[in-house]
Amino acid sequence: MTAIIVMRSRTKDKITSTYTFEWSVTRARRDRTGKLTMSTSLVTRKQGEELIEKHGLKECYSTRDGEVYDTPDGAFKALFPDGLRDREDYEQINKLDKI
């Protein structure tokens, strides 16, 4: 089963030094061997809000820099019951910072 989260993240424009928000969606799953596969893509605000509604996502984490929306049962967080399992998990998470 694929878990999904939507994130709204504050970013700073390097030219104007103004802050704005960007939206992204991350899908993740573990295969039969437990290997984690993740993909992230930027979406518009409208698409992000539509995904939140379509999948019944709830805000599960919030700071002044943004929010994370997960399913009510925490399907995405449940992929990490013991934290990051190994180097491959860590590398998958690291890739998300490079979108």
Protein backbone atom coordinates (compact mmCIF):
# COMPACT_ATOMS: atom_id res chain seq x y z
CA MET A 1 0.00 0.00 0.00
CA THR A 2 1.21 3.48 -0.85
CA ALA A 3 1.16 6.15 1.83
CA ILE A 4 0.75 9.81 0.91
CA ILE A 5 1.52 13.10 2.63
CA VAL A 6 1.11 16.68 1.48
CA MET A 7 3.52 19.33 2.73
CA ARG A 8 3.26 23.11 2.69
CA SER A 9 6.74 24.56 3.18
CA ARG A 10 7.94 28.12 3.60
CA THR A 11 10.74 29.02 1.20
CA LYS A 12 12.80 32.16 0.71
CA ASP A 13 13.25 33.68 -2.72
CA LYS A 14 16.99 34.26 -3.05
CA ILE A 15 16.59 37.23 -5.38
CA THR A 16 13.94 39.25 -3.55
CA SER A 17 14.52 37.83 -0.06
CA THR A 18 10.77 37.39 0.33
CA TYR A 19 9.11 34.32 1.75
CA THR A 20 6.51 32.24 0.00
CA PHE A 21 5.01 28.79 0.42
CA GLU A 22 5.38 25.83 -1.88
CA TRP A 23 3.31 22.67 -1.87
CA SER A 24 4.51 19.13 -2.49
CA VAL A 25 3.15 15.62 -2.37
CA THR A 26 5.19 12.60 -1.29
CA ARG A 27 4.20 9.01 -1.94
CA ALA A 28 6.01 6.17 -0.19
CA ARG A 29 5.76 2.43 0.23
CA ARG A 30 7.78 -0.54 1.32
CA ASP A 31 8.03 -3.54 -0.95
CA ARG A 32 7.82 -7.15 0.23
CA THR A 33 11.46 -7.09 1.30
CA GLY A 34 10.97 -3.90 3.31
CA LYS A 35 12.83 -1.61 0.88
CA LEU A 36 11.49 1.95 0.98
CA THR A 37 10.55 3.71 -2.25
CA MET A 38 9.58 7.39 -2.22
CA SER A 39 8.74 10.03 -4.79
CA THR A 40 8.01 13.71 -4.32
CA SER A 41 6.65 16.29 -6.71
CA LEU A 42 5.76 19.94 -6.43
CA VAL A 43 2.08 20.77 -6.82
CA THR A 44 0.03 23.94 -6.89
CA ARG A 45 -1.79 25.13 -3.79
CA LYS A 46 -5.08 24.06 -5.35
CA GLN A 47 -3.74 20.58 -6.16
CA GLY A 48 -2.37 20.24 -2.62
CA GLU A 49 -5.70 21.21 -1.09
CA GLU A 50 -7.55 18.83 -3.43
CA LEU A 51 -5.24 15.95 -2.44
CA ILE A 52 -5.80 16.72 1.23
CA GLU A 53 -9.54 16.56 0.71
CA LYS A 54 -9.50 13.53 -1.63
CA HIS A 55 -7.38 11.40 0.71
CA GLY A 56 -8.90 12.73 3.96
CA LEU A 57 -5.52 13.98 5.16
CA LYS A 58 -5.23 15.73 8.51
CA GLU A 59 -2.60 18.16 9.74
CA CYS A 60 -0.15 16.10 11.78
CA TYR A 61 2.74 18.52 12.15
CA SER A 62 2.89 22.31 12.05
CA THR A 63 5.45 25.05 12.60
CA ARG A 64 5.73 28.60 11.34
CA ASP A 65 7.59 27.11 8.36
CA GLY A 66 4.70 24.95 7.18
CA GLU A 67 2.56 21.90 7.75
CA VAL A 68 2.53 18.18 7.01
CA TYR A 69 -0.74 16.42 6.26
CA ASP A 70 -0.98 12.62 6.74
CA THR A 71 -3.88 10.18 6.79
CA PRO A 72 -5.82 10.04 10.08
CA ASP A 73 -4.26 6.62 10.79
CA GLY A 74 -0.75 8.00 10.17
CA ALA A 75 0.02 5.68 7.22
CA PHE A 76 3.14 7.60 6.21
CA LYS A 77 4.54 7.79 9.73
CA ALA A 78 3.77 4.08 10.16
CA LEU A 79 6.36 3.33 7.46
CA PHE A 80 8.99 4.31 10.06
CA PRO A 81 8.00 2.52 13.29
CA ASP A 82 11.63 2.28 14.38
CA GLY A 83 12.83 5.45 12.68
CA LEU A 84 15.04 5.11 9.63
CA ARG A 85 15.97 1.45 9.28
CA ASP A 86 19.17 1.68 7.26
CA ARG A 87 21.31 3.75 4.92
CA GLU A 88 18.89 3.21 2.01
CA ASP A 89 16.00 4.70 4.03
CA TYR A 90 18.20 7.67 4.91
CA GLU A 91 19.14 8.20 1.25
CA GLN A 92 15.47 8.08 0.18
CA ILE A 93 14.60 10.76 2.74
CA ASN A 94 17.62 12.82 1.67
CA LYS A 95 16.40 12.83 -1.94
CA LEU A 96 13.28 14.66 -0.83
CA ASP A 97 15.39 17.70 0.04
CA LYS A 98 16.56 17.94 -3.58
CA ILE A 99 13.22 18.53 -5.31
